[in-house]
Amino acid sequence: MTSLIDVIFLLLLFFMLSSTFSKFAEVELAGVGTQGTGSTDQTLFLQVTPDALRLNAAPVEIEALSANLTEIRGQDDSRLLLSLSGDVTSQRLTDVLVILRAQPNLTLRVLALK
């Protein structure tokens, strides 16, 4: 029985020292509620595919996405509809969401695939 306790203690010690408690990336997504249609906010559309981005039907590189959004929006409140193709990776989505999150006064809506 004593040797079993030693093994359990060593396993516990190993897993405690080898695990990490930091979060690598965190992306917050909020559910879509019902809103009135009387809003005067500007609405933008962003399509995300594995190899391309299209902002309001115009191709854009991921490095220039923030600058293009600022140019189109200015400092106004805006809504952005985000459409994903079925084969977009989670890393690609996270990269885009990090850029969009840095934009002030931007409300994001992710369109669901069915």
PDB file of N, CA and C in Angstrom:
ATOM      1  N   MET A   1       0.819  -1.188   0.000  1.00  0.00           N
ATOM      2  CA  MET A   1       0.000   0.000   0.000  1.00  0.00           C
ATOM      3  C   MET A   1       0.871   1.264   0.000  1.00  0.00           C
ATOM      4  N   THR A   2       1.977   1.228   0.696  1.00  0.00           N
ATOM      5  CA  THR A   2       2.861   2.385   0.770  1.00  0.00           C
ATOM      6  C   THR A   2       3.453   2.720  -0.590  1.00  0.00           C
ATOM      7  N   SER A   3       3.832   1.728  -1.334  1.00  0.00           N
ATOM      8  CA  SER A   3       4.412   1.994  -2.650  1.00  0.00           C
ATOM      9  C   SER A   3       3.366   2.550  -3.612  1.00  0.00           C
ATOM     10  N   LEU A   4       2.116   2.165  -3.476  1.00  0.00           N
ATOM     11  CA  LEU A   4       1.054   2.703  -4.313  1.00  0.00           C
ATOM     12  C   LEU A   4       0.851   4.194  -4.033  1.00  0.00           C
ATOM     13  N   ILE A   5       0.920   4.597  -2.796  1.00  0.00           N
ATOM     14  CA  ILE A   5       0.792   6.007  -2.434  1.00  0.00           C
ATOM     15  C   ILE A   5       1.957   6.805  -3.006  1.00  0.00           C
ATOM     16  N   ASP A   6       3.150   6.228  -2.977  1.00  0.00           N
ATOM     17  CA  ASP A   6       4.311   6.912  -3.561  1.00  0.00           C
ATOM     18  C   ASP A   6       4.129   7.123  -5.058  1.00  0.00           C
ATOM     19  N   VAL A   7       3.631   6.119  -5.749  1.00  0.00           N
ATOM     20  CA  VAL A   7       3.409   6.228  -7.195  1.00  0.00           C
ATOM     21  C   VAL A   7       2.353   7.295  -7.481  1.00  0.00           C
ATOM     22  N   ILE A   8       1.285   7.294  -6.720  1.00  0.00           N
ATOM     23  CA  ILE A   8       0.230   8.296  -6.918  1.00  0.00           C
ATOM     24  C   ILE A   8       0.779   9.698  -6.658  1.00  0.00           C
ATOM     25  N   PHE A   9       1.577   9.857  -5.618  1.00  0.00           N
ATOM     26  CA  PHE A   9       2.168  11.147  -5.320  1.00  0.00           C
ATOM     27  C   PHE A   9       3.089  11.605  -6.455  1.00  0.00           C
ATOM     28  N   LEU A  10       3.900  10.690  -6.982  1.00  0.00           N
ATOM     29  CA  LEU A  10       4.796  11.041  -8.081  1.00  0.00           C
ATOM     30  C   LEU A  10       4.013  11.419  -9.343  1.00  0.00           C
ATOM     31  N   LEU A  11       2.933  10.700  -9.629  1.00  0.00           N
ATOM     32  CA  LEU A  11       2.110  11.049 -10.787  1.00  0.00           C
ATOM     33  C   LEU A  11       1.449  12.417 -10.591  1.00  0.00           C
ATOM     34  N   LEU A  12       0.952  12.667  -9.413  1.00  0.00           N
ATOM     35  CA  LEU A  12       0.344  13.954  -9.119  1.00  0.00           C
ATOM     36  C   LEU A  12       1.361  15.077  -9.270  1.00  0.00           C
ATOM     37  N   LEU A  13       2.532  14.878  -8.751  1.00  0.00           N
ATOM     38  CA  LEU A  13       3.592  15.866  -8.867  1.00  0.00           C
ATOM     39  C   LEU A  13       3.981  16.093 -10.325  1.00  0.00           C
ATOM     40  N   PHE A  14       4.099  15.025 -11.090  1.00  0.00           N
ATOM     41  CA  PHE A  14       4.450  15.142 -12.505  1.00  0.00           C
ATOM     42  C   PHE A  14       3.411  15.958 -13.274  1.00  0.00           C
ATOM     43  N   PHE A  15       2.120  15.644 -13.096  1.00  0.00           N
ATOM     44  CA  PHE A  15       1.074  16.349 -13.840  1.00  0.00           C
ATOM     45  C   PHE A  15       0.932  17.805 -13.392  1.00  0.00           C
ATOM     46  N   MET A  16       1.170  18.066 -12.134  1.00  0.00           N
ATOM     47  CA  MET A  16       1.096  19.452 -11.668  1.00  0.00           C
ATOM     48  C   MET A  16       2.225  20.291 -12.251  1.00  0.00           C
ATOM     49  N   LEU A  17       3.400  19.734 -12.360  1.00  0.00           N
ATOM     50  CA  LEU A  17       4.544  20.487 -12.873  1.00  0.00           C
ATOM     51  C   LEU A  17       4.569  20.563 -14.401  1.00  0.00           C
ATOM     52  N   SER A  18       3.974  19.615 -15.071  1.00  0.00           N
ATOM     53  CA  SER A  18       4.040  19.609 -16.535  1.00  0.00           C
ATOM     54  C   SER A  18       2.870  20.340 -17.200  1.00  0.00           C
ATOM     55  N   SER A  19       1.825  20.646 -16.442  1.00  0.00           N
ATOM     56  CA  SER A  19       0.688  21.345 -17.049  1.00  0.00           C
ATOM     57  C   SER A  19       0.888  22.846 -16.960  1.00  0.00           C
ATOM     58  N   THR A  20       0.193  23.551 -17.830  1.00  0.00           N
ATOM     59  CA  THR A  20       0.246  25.008 -17.830  1.00  0.00           C
ATOM     60  C   THR A  20      -1.146  25.554 -17.536  1.00  0.00           C
ATOM     61  N   PHE A  21      -1.190  26.680 -16.887  1.00  0.00           N
ATOM     62  CA  PHE A  21      -2.466  27.267 -16.518  1.00  0.00           C
ATOM     63  C   PHE A  21      -2.730  28.581 -17.246  1.00  0.00           C
ATOM     64  N   SER A  22      -1.888  28.918 -18.189  1.00  0.00           N
ATOM     65  CA  SER A  22      -2.100  30.159 -18.941  1.00  0.00           C
ATOM     66  C   SER A  22      -3.010  29.896 -20.131  1.00  0.00           C
ATOM     67  N   LYS A  23      -3.721  30.911 -20.531  1.00  0.00           N
ATOM     68  CA  LYS A  23      -4.604  30.810 -21.689  1.00  0.00           C
ATOM     69  C   LYS A  23      -3.837  31.277 -22.915  1.00  0.00           C
ATOM     70  N   PHE A  24      -3.842  30.474 -23.969  1.00  0.00           N
ATOM     71  CA  PHE A  24      -3.112  30.834 -25.174  1.00  0.00           C
ATOM     72  C   PHE A  24      -3.856  31.893 -25.968  1.00  0.00           C
ATOM     73  N   ALA A  25      -5.130  31.718 -26.167  1.00  0.00           N
ATOM     74  CA  ALA A  25      -5.922  32.700 -26.893  1.00  0.00           C
ATOM     75  C   ALA A  25      -7.354  32.609 -26.402  1.00  0.00           C
ATOM     76  N   GLU A  26      -7.978  33.733 -26.349  1.00  0.00           N
ATOM     77  CA  GLU A  26      -9.359  33.764 -25.901  1.00  0.00           C
ATOM     78  C   GLU A  26     -10.137  34.685 -26.829  1.00  0.00           C
ATOM     79  N   VAL A  27     -11.188  34.173 -27.391  1.00  0.00           N
ATOM     80  CA  VAL A  27     -12.020  34.950 -28.301  1.00  0.00           C
ATOM     81  C   VAL A  27     -13.433  34.936 -27.753  1.00  0.00           C
ATOM     82  N   GLU A  28     -13.970  36.112 -27.498  1.00  0.00           N
ATOM     83  CA  GLU A  28     -15.323  36.207 -26.981  1.00  0.00           C
ATOM     84  C   GLU A  28     -16.298  36.356 -28.142  1.00  0.00           C
ATOM     85  N   LEU A  29     -17.320  35.538 -28.139  1.00  0.00           N
ATOM     86  CA  LEU A  29     -18.392  35.644 -29.116  1.00  0.00           C
ATOM     87  C   LEU A  29     -19.688  35.802 -28.350  1.00  0.00           C
ATOM     88  N   ALA A  30     -20.464  36.777 -28.748  1.00  0.00           N
ATOM     89  CA  ALA A  30     -21.743  37.020 -28.090  1.00  0.00           C
ATOM     90  C   ALA A  30     -22.859  36.534 -28.989  1.00  0.00           C
ATOM     91  N   GLY A  31     -23.933  36.079 -28.366  1.00  0.00           N
ATOM     92  CA  GLY A  31     -25.092  35.641 -29.133  1.00  0.00           C
ATOM     93  C   GLY A  31     -25.801  36.827 -29.764  1.00  0.00           C
ATOM     94  N   VAL A  32     -26.486  36.583 -30.850  1.00  0.00           N
ATOM     95  CA  VAL A  32     -27.192  37.639 -31.554  1.00  0.00           C
ATOM     96  C   VAL A  32     -28.584  37.762 -30.972  1.00  0.00           C
ATOM     97  N   GLY A  33     -28.932  38.960 -30.551  1.00  0.00           N
ATOM     98  CA  GLY A  33     -30.270  39.226 -30.047  1.00  0.00           C
ATOM     99  C   GLY A  33     -31.088  39.934 -31.109  1.00  0.00           C
ATOM    100  N   THR A  34     -32.346  40.154 -30.830  1.00  0.00           N
ATOM    101  CA  THR A  34     -33.187  40.874 -31.776  1.00  0.00           C
ATOM    102  C   THR A  34     -32.992  42.356 -31.572  1.00  0.00           C
ATOM    103  N   GLN A  35     -32.854  43.076 -32.669  1.00  0.00           N
ATOM    104  CA  GLN A  35     -32.678  44.509 -32.626  1.00  0.00           C
ATOM    105  C   GLN A  35     -33.627  45.141 -33.624  1.00  0.00           C
ATOM    106  N   GLY A  36     -33.951  46.383 -33.371  1.00  0.00           N
ATOM    107  CA  GLY A  36     -34.811  47.108 -34.289  1.00  0.00           C
ATOM    108  C   GLY A  36     -34.090  47.417 -35.586  1.00  0.00           C
ATOM    109  N   THR A  37     -34.850  47.651 -36.645  1.00  0.00           N
ATOM    110  CA  THR A  37     -34.247  47.938 -37.941  1.00  0.00           C
ATOM    111  C   THR A  37     -34.099  49.432 -38.178  1.00  0.00           C
ATOM    112  N   GLY A  38     -34.418  50.258 -37.181  1.00  0.00           N
ATOM    113  CA  GLY A  38     -34.345  51.696 -37.353  1.00  0.00           C
ATOM    114  C   GLY A  38     -32.963  52.272 -37.107  1.00  0.00           C
ATOM    115  N   SER A  39     -31.946  51.468 -37.016  1.00  0.00           N
ATOM    116  CA  SER A  39     -30.600  51.933 -36.735  1.00  0.00           C
ATOM    117  C   SER A  39     -29.990  52.585 -37.968  1.00  0.00           C
ATOM    118  N   THR A  40     -29.197  53.631 -37.738  1.00  0.00           N
ATOM    119  CA  THR A  40     -28.548  54.327 -38.849  1.00  0.00           C
ATOM    120  C   THR A  40     -27.092  53.922 -38.985  1.00  0.00           C
ATOM    121  N   ASP A  41     -26.665  52.886 -38.290  1.00  0.00           N
ATOM    122  CA  ASP A  41     -25.279  52.439 -38.365  1.00  0.00           C
ATOM    123  C   ASP A  41     -24.963  51.932 -39.764  1.00  0.00           C
ATOM    124  N   GLN A  42     -23.702  52.079 -40.127  1.00  0.00           N
ATOM    125  CA  GLN A  42     -23.212  51.563 -41.397  1.00  0.00           C
ATOM    126  C   GLN A  42     -23.011  50.054 -41.257  1.00  0.00           C
ATOM    127  N   THR A  43     -23.408  49.303 -42.277  1.00  0.00           N
ATOM    128  CA  THR A  43     -23.240  47.856 -42.251  1.00  0.00           C
ATOM    129  C   THR A  43     -22.212  47.452 -43.305  1.00  0.00           C
ATOM    130  N   LEU A  44     -21.206  46.688 -42.871  1.00  0.00           N
ATOM    131  CA  LEU A  44     -20.154  46.188 -43.743  1.00  0.00           C
ATOM    132  C   LEU A  44     -20.268  44.676 -43.826  1.00  0.00           C
ATOM    133  N   PHE A  45     -19.698  44.095 -44.874  1.00  0.00           N
ATOM    134  CA  PHE A  45     -19.757  42.653 -45.082  1.00  0.00           C
ATOM    135  C   PHE A  45     -18.346  42.136 -45.343  1.00  0.00           C
ATOM    136  N   LEU A  46     -17.928  41.143 -44.560  1.00  0.00           N
ATOM    137  CA  LEU A  46     -16.602  40.552 -44.720  1.00  0.00           C
ATOM    138  C   LEU A  46     -16.739  39.057 -44.949  1.00  0.00           C
ATOM    139  N   GLN A  47     -16.232  38.593 -46.082  1.00  0.00           N
ATOM    140  CA  GLN A  47     -16.203  37.161 -46.396  1.00  0.00           C
ATOM    141  C   GLN A  47     -14.814  36.634 -46.084  1.00  0.00           C
ATOM    142  N   VAL A  48     -14.763  35.509 -45.374  1.00  0.00           N
ATOM    143  CA  VAL A  48     -13.489  34.890 -45.021  1.00  0.00           C
ATOM    144  C   VAL A  48     -13.437  33.506 -45.645  1.00  0.00           C
ATOM    145  N   THR A  49     -12.415  33.283 -46.456  1.00  0.00           N
ATOM    146  CA  THR A  49     -12.136  31.961 -47.028  1.00  0.00           C
ATOM    147  C   THR A  49     -10.722  31.585 -46.595  1.00  0.00           C
ATOM    148  N   PRO A  50     -10.315  30.343 -46.787  1.00  0.00           N
ATOM    149  CA  PRO A  50      -8.975  29.953 -46.341  1.00  0.00           C
ATOM    150  C   PRO A  50      -7.840  30.754 -46.978  1.00  0.00           C
ATOM    151  N   ASP A  51      -8.041  31.257 -48.185  1.00  0.00           N
ATOM    152  CA  ASP A  51      -6.944  31.950 -48.866  1.00  0.00           C
ATOM    153  C   ASP A  51      -7.256  33.391 -49.251  1.00  0.00           C
ATOM    154  N   ALA A  52      -8.424  33.931 -48.900  1.00  0.00           N
ATOM    155  CA  ALA A  52      -8.765  35.296 -49.296  1.00  0.00           C
ATOM    156  C   ALA A  52      -9.750  35.926 -48.327  1.00  0.00           C
ATOM    157  N   LEU A  53      -9.723  37.248 -48.318  1.00  0.00           N
ATOM    158  CA  LEU A  53     -10.702  38.045 -47.590  1.00  0.00           C
ATOM    159  C   LEU A  53     -11.334  39.010 -48.573  1.00  0.00           C
ATOM    160  N   ARG A  54     -12.640  39.240 -48.434  1.00  0.00           N
ATOM    161  CA  ARG A  54     -13.335  40.197 -49.280  1.00  0.00           C
ATOM    162  C   ARG A  54     -14.154  41.113 -48.379  1.00  0.00           C
ATOM    163  N   LEU A  55     -13.827  42.405 -48.400  1.00  0.00           N
ATOM    164  CA  LEU A  55     -14.532  43.408 -47.617  1.00  0.00           C
ATOM    165  C   LEU A  55     -15.443  44.184 -48.554  1.00  0.00           C
ATOM    166  N   ASN A  56     -16.742  44.048 -48.364  1.00  0.00           N
ATOM    167  CA  ASN A  56     -17.739  44.656 -49.259  1.00  0.00           C
ATOM    168  C   ASN A  56     -17.452  44.282 -50.717  1.00  0.00           C
ATOM    169  N   ALA A  57     -17.178  43.020 -50.965  1.00  0.00           N
ATOM    170  CA  ALA A  57     -16.927  42.416 -52.275  1.00  0.00           C
ATOM    171  C   ALA A  57     -15.593  42.813 -52.900  1.00  0.00           C
ATOM    172  N   ALA A  58     -14.772  43.572 -52.202  1.00  0.00           N
ATOM    173  CA  ALA A  58     -13.448  43.941 -52.718  1.00  0.00           C
ATOM    174  C   ALA A  58     -12.387  43.113 -52.012  1.00  0.00           C
ATOM    175  N   PRO A  59     -11.478  42.500 -52.764  1.00  0.00           N
ATOM    176  CA  PRO A  59     -10.438  41.684 -52.132  1.00  0.00           C
ATOM    177  C   PRO A  59      -9.521  42.551 -51.264  1.00  0.00           C
ATOM    178  N   VAL A  60      -9.129  41.986 -50.125  1.00  0.00           N
ATOM    179  CA  VAL A  60      -8.239  42.697 -49.199  1.00  0.00           C
ATOM    180  C   VAL A  60      -7.315  41.666 -48.548  1.00  0.00           C
ATOM    181  N   GLU A  61      -6.072  42.094 -48.323  1.00  0.00           N
ATOM    182  CA  GLU A  61      -5.114  41.238 -47.623  1.00  0.00           C
ATOM    183  C   GLU A  61      -5.336  41.370 -46.119  1.00  0.00           C
ATOM    184  N   ILE A  62      -5.021  40.329 -45.378  1.00  0.00           N
ATOM    185  CA  ILE A  62      -5.247  40.347 -43.934  1.00  0.00           C
ATOM    186  C   ILE A  62      -4.401  41.423 -43.249  1.00  0.00           C
ATOM    187  N   GLU A  63      -3.224  41.719 -43.798  1.00  0.00           N
ATOM    188  CA  GLU A  63      -2.364  42.741 -43.220  1.00  0.00           C
ATOM    189  C   GLU A  63      -2.970  44.136 -43.382  1.00  0.00           C
ATOM    190  N   ALA A  64      -3.780  44.342 -44.419  1.00  0.00           N
ATOM    191  CA  ALA A  64      -4.363  45.652 -44.702  1.00  0.00           C
ATOM    192  C   ALA A  64      -5.811  45.763 -44.231  1.00  0.00           C
ATOM    193  N   LEU A  65      -6.327  44.736 -43.570  1.00  0.00           N
ATOM    194  CA  LEU A  65      -7.739  44.735 -43.172  1.00  0.00           C
ATOM    195  C   LEU A  65      -8.055  45.873 -42.202  1.00  0.00           C
ATOM    196  N   SER A  66      -7.226  46.075 -41.212  1.00  0.00           N
ATOM    197  CA  SER A  66      -7.468  47.127 -40.224  1.00  0.00           C
ATOM    198  C   SER A  66      -7.474  48.505 -40.874  1.00  0.00           C
ATOM    199  N   ALA A  67      -6.506  48.765 -41.746  1.00  0.00           N
ATOM    200  CA  ALA A  67      -6.433  50.062 -42.422  1.00  0.00           C
ATOM    201  C   ALA A  67      -7.635  50.273 -43.339  1.00  0.00           C
ATOM    202  N   ASN A  68      -8.050  49.236 -44.049  1.00  0.00           N
ATOM    203  CA  ASN A  68      -9.208  49.366 -44.938  1.00  0.00           C
ATOM    204  C   ASN A  68     -10.489  49.613 -44.151  1.00  0.00           C
ATOM    205  N   LEU A  69     -10.647  48.948 -43.020  1.00  0.00           N
ATOM    206  CA  LEU A  69     -11.825  49.181 -42.182  1.00  0.00           C
ATOM    207  C   LEU A  69     -11.860  50.614 -41.664  1.00  0.00           C
ATOM    208  N   THR A  70     -10.719  51.105 -41.221  1.00  0.00           N
ATOM    209  CA  THR A  70     -10.651  52.476 -40.715  1.00  0.00           C
ATOM    210  C   THR A  70     -10.954  53.475 -41.828  1.00  0.00           C
ATOM    211  N   GLU A  71     -10.465  53.205 -43.020  1.00  0.00           N
ATOM    212  CA  GLU A  71     -10.709  54.090 -44.160  1.00  0.00           C
ATOM    213  C   GLU A  71     -12.191  54.132 -44.543  1.00  0.00           C
ATOM    214  N   ILE A  72     -12.827  52.970 -44.551  1.00  0.00           N
ATOM    215  CA  ILE A  72     -14.240  52.901 -44.944  1.00  0.00           C
ATOM    216  C   ILE A  72     -15.130  53.470 -43.856  1.00  0.00           C
ATOM    217  N   ARG A  73     -14.865  53.124 -42.609  1.00  0.00           N
ATOM    218  CA  ARG A  73     -15.740  53.484 -41.496  1.00  0.00           C
ATOM    219  C   ARG A  73     -15.515  54.876 -40.968  1.00  0.00           C
ATOM    220  N   GLY A  74     -14.281  55.318 -40.925  1.00  0.00           N
ATOM    221  CA  GLY A  74     -13.961  56.528 -40.187  1.00  0.00           C
ATOM    222  C   GLY A  74     -14.065  56.212 -38.705  1.00  0.00           C
ATOM    223  N   GLN A  75     -14.717  57.072 -37.938  1.00  0.00           N
ATOM    224  CA  GLN A  75     -14.913  56.833 -36.506  1.00  0.00           C
ATOM    225  C   GLN A  75     -16.372  56.538 -36.181  1.00  0.00           C
ATOM    226  N   ASP A  76     -17.179  56.262 -37.197  1.00  0.00           N
ATOM    227  CA  ASP A  76     -18.605  56.022 -37.005  1.00  0.00           C
ATOM    228  C   ASP A  76     -18.856  54.641 -36.418  1.00  0.00           C
ATOM    229  N   ASP A  77     -20.013  54.509 -35.762  1.00  0.00           N
ATOM    230  CA  ASP A  77     -20.457  53.192 -35.312  1.00  0.00           C
ATOM    231  C   ASP A  77     -20.817  52.369 -36.538  1.00  0.00           C
ATOM    232  N   SER A  78     -20.411  51.116 -36.536  1.00  0.00           N
ATOM    233  CA  SER A  78     -20.664  50.253 -37.687  1.00  0.00           C
ATOM    234  C   SER A  78     -20.982  48.848 -37.224  1.00  0.00           C
ATOM    235  N   ARG A  79     -21.683  48.139 -38.084  1.00  0.00           N
ATOM    236  CA  ARG A  79     -21.912  46.705 -37.904  1.00  0.00           C
ATOM    237  C   ARG A  79     -21.139  45.992 -39.000  1.00  0.00           C
ATOM    238  N   LEU A  80     -20.585  44.846 -38.648  1.00  0.00           N
ATOM    239  CA  LEU A  80     -19.874  44.044 -39.635  1.00  0.00           C
ATOM    240  C   LEU A  80     -20.464  42.645 -39.621  1.00  0.00           C
ATOM    241  N   LEU A  81     -20.909  42.197 -40.776  1.00  0.00           N
ATOM    242  CA  LEU A  81     -21.396  40.835 -40.928  1.00  0.00           C
ATOM    243  C   LEU A  81     -20.232  39.992 -41.417  1.00  0.00           C
ATOM    244  N   LEU A  82     -19.910  38.950 -40.674  1.00  0.00           N
ATOM    245  CA  LEU A  82     -18.774  38.085 -40.985  1.00  0.00           C
ATOM    246  C   LEU A  82     -19.298  36.761 -41.521  1.00  0.00           C
ATOM    247  N   SER A  83     -18.962  36.467 -42.766  1.00  0.00           N
ATOM    248  CA  SER A  83     -19.386  35.230 -43.410  1.00  0.00           C
ATOM    249  C   SER A  83     -18.177  34.320 -43.587  1.00  0.00           C
ATOM    250  N   LEU A  84     -18.314  33.072 -43.152  1.00  0.00           N
ATOM    251  CA  LEU A  84     -17.212  32.109 -43.228  1.00  0.00           C
ATOM    252  C   LEU A  84     -17.543  31.022 -44.223  1.00  0.00           C
ATOM    253  N   SER A  85     -16.566  30.662 -45.039  1.00  0.00           N
ATOM    254  CA  SER A  85     -16.757  29.486 -45.877  1.00  0.00           C
ATOM    255  C   SER A  85     -16.572  28.252 -45.002  1.00  0.00           C
ATOM    256  N   GLY A  86     -17.053  27.111 -45.464  1.00  0.00           N
ATOM    257  CA  GLY A  86     -17.051  25.904 -44.652  1.00  0.00           C
ATOM    258  C   GLY A  86     -15.689  25.364 -44.291  1.00  0.00           C
ATOM    259  N   ASP A  87     -14.655  25.716 -45.046  1.00  0.00           N
ATOM    260  CA  ASP A  87     -13.334  25.138 -44.806  1.00  0.00           C
ATOM    261  C   ASP A  87     -12.345  26.126 -44.186  1.00  0.00           C
ATOM    262  N   VAL A  88     -12.838  27.183 -43.543  1.00  0.00           N
ATOM    263  CA  VAL A  88     -11.969  28.129 -42.848  1.00  0.00           C
ATOM    264  C   VAL A  88     -11.494  27.491 -41.547  1.00  0.00           C
ATOM    265  N   THR A  89     -10.197  27.584 -41.291  1.00  0.00           N
ATOM    266  CA  THR A  89      -9.645  27.002 -40.071  1.00  0.00           C
ATOM    267  C   THR A  89      -9.913  27.920 -38.878  1.00  0.00           C
ATOM    268  N   SER A  90      -9.855  27.356 -37.710  1.00  0.00           N
ATOM    269  CA  SER A  90     -10.077  28.156 -36.502  1.00  0.00           C
ATOM    270  C   SER A  90      -8.963  29.179 -36.316  1.00  0.00           C
ATOM    271  N   GLN A  91      -7.754  28.874 -36.762  1.00  0.00           N
ATOM    272  CA  GLN A  91      -6.651  29.839 -36.651  1.00  0.00           C
ATOM    273  C   GLN A  91      -6.904  31.043 -37.547  1.00  0.00           C
ATOM    274  N   ARG A  92      -7.400  30.799 -38.752  1.00  0.00           N
ATOM    275  CA  ARG A  92      -7.722  31.903 -39.677  1.00  0.00           C
ATOM    276  C   ARG A  92      -8.827  32.784 -39.083  1.00  0.00           C
ATOM    277  N   LEU A  93      -9.851  32.158 -38.521  1.00  0.00           N
ATOM    278  CA  LEU A  93     -10.938  32.906 -37.891  1.00  0.00           C
ATOM    279  C   LEU A  93     -10.421  33.723 -36.718  1.00  0.00           C
ATOM    280  N   THR A  94      -9.557  33.140 -35.894  1.00  0.00           N
ATOM    281  CA  THR A  94      -9.002  33.849 -34.747  1.00  0.00           C
ATOM    282  C   THR A  94      -8.156  35.035 -35.189  1.00  0.00           C
ATOM    283  N   ASP A  95      -7.353  34.875 -36.234  1.00  0.00           N
ATOM    284  CA  ASP A  95      -6.544  35.986 -36.748  1.00  0.00           C
ATOM    285  C   ASP A  95      -7.427  37.156 -37.178  1.00  0.00           C
ATOM    286  N   VAL A  96      -8.519  36.855 -37.865  1.00  0.00           N
ATOM    287  CA  VAL A  96      -9.436  37.901 -38.322  1.00  0.00           C
ATOM    288  C   VAL A  96     -10.146  38.542 -37.136  1.00  0.00           C
ATOM    289  N   LEU A  97     -10.586  37.741 -36.171  1.00  0.00           N
ATOM    290  CA  LEU A  97     -11.296  38.276 -35.020  1.00  0.00           C
ATOM    291  C   LEU A  97     -10.416  39.179 -34.155  1.00  0.00           C
ATOM    292  N   VAL A  98      -9.137  38.864 -34.066  1.00  0.00           N
ATOM    293  CA  VAL A  98      -8.219  39.723 -33.306  1.00  0.00           C
ATOM    294  C   VAL A  98      -8.118  41.099 -33.963  1.00  0.00           C
ATOM    295  N   ILE A  99      -8.061  41.138 -35.284  1.00  0.00           N
ATOM    296  CA  ILE A  99      -8.006  42.415 -36.004  1.00  0.00           C
ATOM    297  C   ILE A  99      -9.309  43.182 -35.822  1.00  0.00           C
ATOM    298  N   LEU A 100     -10.429  42.488 -35.926  1.00  0.00           N
ATOM    299  CA  LEU A 100     -11.728  43.149 -35.804  1.00  0.00           C
ATOM    300  C   LEU A 100     -11.975  43.651 -34.392  1.00  0.00           C
ATOM    301  N   ARG A 101     -11.483  42.935 -33.419  1.00  0.00           N
ATOM    302  CA  ARG A 101     -11.687  43.316 -32.018  1.00  0.00           C
ATOM    303  C   ARG A 101     -10.988  44.630 -31.686  1.00  0.00           C
ATOM    304  N   ALA A 102      -9.909  44.934 -32.392  1.00  0.00           N
ATOM    305  CA  ALA A 102      -9.159  46.169 -32.143  1.00  0.00           C
ATOM    306  C   ALA A 102      -9.869  47.398 -32.713  1.00  0.00           C
ATOM    307  N   GLN A 103     -10.883  47.199 -33.532  1.00  0.00           N
ATOM    308  CA  GLN A 103     -11.618  48.317 -34.134  1.00  0.00           C
ATOM    309  C   GLN A 103     -12.607  48.897 -33.121  1.00  0.00           C
ATOM    310  N   PRO A 104     -12.564  50.214 -32.877  1.00  0.00           N
ATOM    311  CA  PRO A 104     -13.518  50.809 -31.941  1.00  0.00           C
ATOM    312  C   PRO A 104     -14.897  50.949 -32.574  1.00  0.00           C
ATOM    313  N   ASN A 105     -15.929  50.848 -31.762  1.00  0.00           N
ATOM    314  CA  ASN A 105     -17.324  51.053 -32.181  1.00  0.00           C
ATOM    315  C   ASN A 105     -17.731  50.149 -33.340  1.00  0.00           C
ATOM    316  N   LEU A 106     -17.282  48.919 -33.317  1.00  0.00           N
ATOM    317  CA  LEU A 106     -17.641  47.953 -34.358  1.00  0.00           C
ATOM    318  C   LEU A 106     -18.399  46.804 -33.706  1.00  0.00           C
ATOM    319  N   THR A 107     -19.618  46.579 -34.174  1.00  0.00           N
ATOM    320  CA  THR A 107     -20.430  45.472 -33.697  1.00  0.00           C
ATOM    321  C   THR A 107     -20.302  44.334 -34.689  1.00  0.00           C
ATOM    322  N   LEU A 108     -19.922  43.175 -34.202  1.00  0.00           N
ATOM    323  CA  LEU A 108     -19.647  42.036 -35.062  1.00  0.00           C
ATOM    324  C   LEU A 108     -20.778  41.035 -34.998  1.00  0.00           C
ATOM    325  N   ARG A 109     -21.206  40.545 -36.146  1.00  0.00           N
ATOM    326  CA  ARG A 109     -22.190  39.477 -36.261  1.00  0.00           C
ATOM    327  C   ARG A 109     -21.593  38.382 -37.137  1.00  0.00           C
ATOM    328  N   VAL A 110     -21.501  37.176 -36.607  1.00  0.00           N
ATOM    329  CA  VAL A 110     -20.988  36.040 -37.356  1.00  0.00           C
ATOM    330  C   VAL A 110     -22.180  35.295 -37.946  1.00  0.00           C
ATOM    331  N   LEU A 111     -22.196  35.161 -39.253  1.00  0.00           N
ATOM    332  CA  LEU A 111     -23.273  34.453 -39.919  1.00  0.00           C
ATOM    333  C   LEU A 111     -23.009  32.958 -39.810  1.00  0.00           C
ATOM    334  N   ALA A 112     -23.987  32.202 -39.378  1.00  0.00           N
ATOM    335  CA  ALA A 112     -23.831  30.757 -39.162  1.00  0.00           C
ATOM    336  C   ALA A 112     -24.052  30.000 -40.468  1.00  0.00           C
ATOM    337  N   LEU A 113     -23.292  28.938 -40.635  1.00  0.00           N
ATOM    338  CA  LEU A 113     -23.467  28.047 -41.768  1.00  0.00           C
ATOM    339  C   LEU A 113     -24.420  26.933 -41.376  1.00  0.00           C
ATOM    340  N   LYS A 114     -25.301  26.564 -42.273  1.00  0.00           N
ATOM    341  CA  LYS A 114     -26.222  25.467 -41.983  1.00  0.00           C
ATOM    342  C   LYS A 114     -26.106  24.401 -43.008  1.00  0.00           C
TER     343      LYS A 114
END
